[in-house]
Amino acid sequence: MRDLALIFVIALGAAVVVGTAGAVLLRLLRRSSITVHLCVLLTVTVIAVVVGVAAVAEAMFLSPHDLEVVLITVAAAATVSLAVGWHFGRRLAAAAIWANQARDRERHLEKGRRDLIAWVSHDLRTPLAGLRAMAEALEDGVVSDPATTGEYHRRIRTETDRMTRLVDDLFELSRINAGALALSLTAVSLREVVSDVLSSTAPLAAARRIRLVAAETGWPTVSASEPELTRVVANLLVNAVCYTPEDGTVRIEAGRERESAWLSVSDTCGGIPPPDLPRLFEVAFRGEPARTPRQTDAGASGGLGLAIVHGLVDAHGGRVEVHNTADGCRFVVRLPAA
């Protein structure tokens, strides 16, 4: 019994020494990754076992041959343990990092949903209050002259169109997020798409005295779904017009690079704050209050316009990016060329 107690004390002392050194090392590496911590912890455990066995074997006065056999056996077991532990430790660390990233994404998406509900509630509540007031005025006969009645009818139609566009944006975004967007890819001429969008955007631009400038040449053909591509171009143009001050310029150009085509929309909005650039395509993000566009006939989109652009371009296998220029910003959409 006395010999067993001595063996225990020797093994415990060796393990305490190695464990203390490992604790100090972990303390020094406290800012390192989870993988490093797991590997160090596993290595300390195996080394503690090896040192304990070696110390006990030495204290038992084994013959050199027997001591060599014990050490080789322990070394082989330690090698296998370290290899297996390192492999599964990396997997465990990767799983922990993935779970943490998943939680961060979930929190980010939840914040986006809350912001979206807040923006949409605001954008619906304001026109609904106006519609109700005008409808009650017409119903109670508060206004009866033809001019005022006609103006009320026009404003009711305008506000209804705004809310219809907002609901359409919500439906489009829900299709994108649910993966239910079915694209019918064909060869689409960017010149024709841009020409149609320019025609529909021209009244809004004229009302704000903004010049729309389109390149004369360089328009490629892309592989895309025409309705969705039209939506992308329209959202970018309307966004540029809404954020560009009066007497500004919005320029649209296109070209081709190897197997891809690009479309750019540049404006003279004065630029976007650099911290806002990475978040520009997030749902319900509108940036600082100074960059909130004024209410126009185009209506507010609840911060959905650029998010829809990003989702539709991704669905086409392309990408969209934005950067500041000397007097504004430039959106660039890249799509597969036909």
Foldseek 3Di string as FASTA:
>chain_A
DVLVVVLVVLLVVLLVVLVVVLVVVCVVCVVPAQLVNQLSVQLSVLVSNLRSQLRSVVVVVDDPVVSVVSNVVSVVVSVVSSVVSSVVSVVVRVVVVVVVVVVVVVVVVVVLVVLLVVLLCVQVVVLVVVLVVLVVCVVVVVDDDPVVVVVSVVSNVLSVVQVVLLVVLVVLLVCLVVVVDDWDWDWAWPVVLLVVLCVVCVVVLVVLQEAEAEDPDATAIFTGRSVLVSLLNNLVVVLQSQQAHRNWYWYWYKHDDVFKIKIKIWIQNQEDPVVCFVVLLRRQDQPDPVRHGDADSNGDNSSRSSVSSQSRLVVQVWGWHKDADPRYIMIMTMHGGD
